[in-house]
Amino acid sequence: MNIALHPHALERLAERGAIEEEVIATVLQGESFPAKFGRTGF
């Protein structure tokens, strides 16, 4: 699976104290749920 983060999302990571590897691990291994506008949350 190819995961690409938008530049805005990368900026927000720093503001939230997270790193890109944590986001990717969550998408690959985390629990997913339906979110607004047909999106998927993790």
Protein backbone atom coordinates (compact mmCIF):
# COMPACT_ATOMS: atom_id res chain seq x y z
CA MET A 1 0.00 0.00 0.00
CA ASN A 2 1.33 3.42 -0.95
CA ILE A 3 0.60 6.10 1.66
CA ALA A 4 1.20 9.74 0.80
CA LEU A 5 0.53 12.60 3.21
CA HIS A 6 -0.49 16.02 1.97
CA PRO A 7 1.88 18.89 2.82
CA HIS A 8 -0.77 20.35 5.14
CA ALA A 9 -0.98 17.04 7.03
CA LEU A 10 2.80 16.99 7.44
CA GLU A 11 2.69 20.50 8.91
CA ARG A 12 -0.02 19.45 11.35
CA LEU A 13 2.05 16.48 12.52
CA ALA A 14 4.65 18.79 14.01
CA GLU A 15 1.95 20.88 15.71
CA ARG A 16 0.50 17.73 17.28
CA GLY A 17 3.81 16.22 18.35
CA ALA A 18 3.52 13.22 16.04
CA ILE A 19 5.84 11.79 13.42
CA GLU A 20 5.10 10.48 9.94
CA GLU A 21 6.02 6.91 10.88
CA GLU A 22 3.33 6.88 13.60
CA VAL A 23 0.67 7.95 11.12
CA ILE A 24 1.71 5.32 8.60
CA ALA A 25 1.72 2.60 11.29
CA THR A 26 -1.77 3.65 12.35
CA VAL A 27 -3.10 3.51 8.81
CA LEU A 28 -1.52 0.10 8.19
CA GLN A 29 -2.21 -1.54 11.56
CA GLY A 30 -4.79 0.60 13.36
CA GLU A 31 -8.50 0.16 13.76
CA SER A 32 -10.57 1.95 11.11
CA PHE A 33 -14.06 3.44 11.32
CA PRO A 34 -16.41 5.27 8.95
CA ALA A 35 -16.01 9.05 9.08
CA LYS A 36 -17.88 12.00 7.59
CA PHE A 37 -18.07 12.59 3.85
CA GLY A 38 -17.36 8.93 2.96
CA ARG A 39 -13.90 9.01 4.54
CA THR A 40 -12.20 6.49 6.80
CA GLY A 41 -10.90 7.40 10.24
CA PHE A 42 -8.20 5.60 12.22
